[in-house]
Amino acid sequence: MKPVLKILAFFCLLSCISLFSFSQEYYTTTNRKALKLFEEARQFYSLNDRAKAKQFLLEALEKDEKFVEAHTMLGYIYGDMGQTEKAITEIKRAIEINPITLPENFFTLAQFQIGLGYYKEAKANYSNFLKMASVNKEMNKSAELGIVNCDFAINAMEHPVPFNPINAGPGLNSKYDEYFPSVTADEQMFLFTRRLPATESQSGWQEDFYVSNKVNGKWADAYGIGPKINSQSNEGAPCLSQDGEILFFVACEGDFGYGAGRQGFGSCDIFYSFKNGNDWTKPQNLGAPVCTKWWETQPSFSSDGKTLYFIRGSMNSLGKRETDICTSTLREGGKWSAPVKLNSNINTSASEESVFIHPDNQTLYFSSAGHPGMGGLDIFMSRRKANGEWGEAINLGYPINTFSDENSLLVSRDGKLAYFASDRQGGQGGLDIYSFELYETAQPGKTIYVKGKVFDAVTKAPLSADIDVVDLKTGSSVMKSVSNKKGEFLICLPVNINYAFNTSRPGYLFYSQNYSLVENKDYQPIAVNIPLSPITKDSSVILRNVFFETNKFDLKEESKSELNKLVDFLTKNPTLKIELSGHTDNMGDKKLNQVLSENRARSVSEYLAANSIAKERLTYKGYGDTRPVVANDTEEHRQMNRRTEFKVK
């Protein structure tokens, strides 16, 4: 990431306020010419003209080399100009002359020192500041956190974590800045922001999105995402859904408004667009209650297809800017819920930024200045607990985190690779995108992606259809998706769970499948084809997620999610009548198999009737082992023959 000094400007500003509030009779100089030059410098500094302010301060110090306030303000100016070593020299000189006049100088010196990684020296000066009995509670609190950060940093540098960043290459990187990476679950599409010289009608720089596709294991030359997304104004912080079909990004007010006719609520808003073949739809503002008059940015869309994580910036009652990580959930009908801040294990009174929810939907990566770290913005991770709350923030360690600000981390679906932006030496130029192998304890949970195609079982034409994935153990929907116009879909699923997989479209019978990922240890992608049958007489569906105990006909609890789908299907098609049928393999007594199969079909019929489906629409029948779908020659085949179906009458 591009190095930015870890100085908390808000607290430096407090020092400046105390400095500038002195009346002349309390200054440490009696030299009238030095005082006059200092007052001139103070006026220019308040106007952000640092060059002239610096000039007058240097002249003031020529008149009185022991002018504490002049050394202090000059230190602030050097800090603003990125000349931190000179800033440290000036603040040290002010303290040497008189440590009592401006006790905040110890705090400011520590801030500059931690910004360059001088942790032992910074810790000593935070301690010196706290000994001065400052009445500023916020500065005291920040100094206490500073000491914690210094202790953490000293220990972290003595115990570094594995870290070997590799430039992602010329396909992604150029002589310009590239940052804010996003990638699909199958790692075939990479999206990022590139900062280019503005067009002739503008001045300065232009931020646009670029896309690269993987060819023969390498990222091909990136290309602009297209004019419907890239406008004359800046676009930033892009985020792709796991299947690459939805794009979220941020646009802000500015000289060119929101660009391309986009309407906003104020400051920065989140927009979205759907992939449309090789193009994208016109971006739409996500709207209230997600977007407000405040600052919403850096979206991250969960693999469950319904939860958006993002950063909201606002002003608190003290007039201080706050940035927190919030979530909003997509409800039925396409409405977003009121955003909720994540708990105190994540959000602090300092800044939180660059949130990324991993495809496992259980691991969160983010940057924070409020948890113990190297000082300023460090990258952290948190794992979701059994009760759904986020656990403690875990610092990713040194040298992933340093005395520069670290943010915008992206972790691949398999958890092995992490991507970030850096202007380190040896790159293509400016900020480049790098990858590195993420050490094991910082990796997320294992996931598998299911990639497939939905089509008409008769015509073979591709179909756009709704896909709902249910955790069979809990019965709760863990993700929703929609196949695109080509019938294609990609769904990312955490392992160690058994899933019911339901696909539906109006005018068609729904499709049922289940995947047991409890025993899956190779984590290889699953490829599926889903034929949807039009609703016609004698068309049928195997209910693959209806389960019974061995040789029994009592419905198991995990059957209910599938049966509720059937209830919903029959409710939406009120004229349909169906026959429910039970089937067994050829093992055991045929008469007993016949009775068992009929009782199982009857159990399903009774469940439907108990859930408001009229009995006259339902019949049931047991076929025993007389209608196998495959030969009963292996256990796997016999399991396929043990099934429950329904048929349209």
Foldseek 3Di string as FASTA:
>chain_A
DAFDFQFDVVLVVVLVVVLVPDDPVLWPDPPPQLVVLQVVLVVCVVVVNLVSSLVSLVVSCVVPVLGLSSLQVNLVSCVVVVNLVSSLVSLVSSCVSPCLSRLCSLLNNLSSCLSVPVLVSSLVSLVSSVVNVDPPPVSVVVSVLSNLQSVQQVVLVVPDDDWDKDFLDQQFDAQWAWFQWEAAQVRFKIKTWTWAAADPVDHDIEIFMWMWGDDPNGTHHIDGLDDLGRFNHHKAQWYAANFRFKIKTKAAQDPCGRGPPADAQAGMFIWMWGDDPSHIDRIHTLDPPQGHNWHWGNWEAELQAWKIKIWTWDADPVRDIEIFIWMWTQDPPRHIHRIDTADPLQDDRWYKAAWYQARQNFKIKTWTQGDRHSHHTFIWMWGQDPVRHTDHTHTLGPPCPHSGHFHSWDAHNQQQKIKGWYQDPPHNHHIGIIMIGRDDVNGDAGKAKEKEFEAAPPPRQGDWWKKWKAFLVVLDTRHIDIQDNRRIDMHMYGALTKIWIWIDDPQWDIAIDIDHRNPDDPRYYHYDYHHTYGDDAFDKYWQHQWDDDVLAQATDSSSVSSLVVVLVVCVVVVVWAKEKWWEAAPPDDQVSLQVNGQSNSVNSLVVSVVVPRDSVSYHYGYDYHPDQPDHPPDPVSRVNRGTMMMGTD
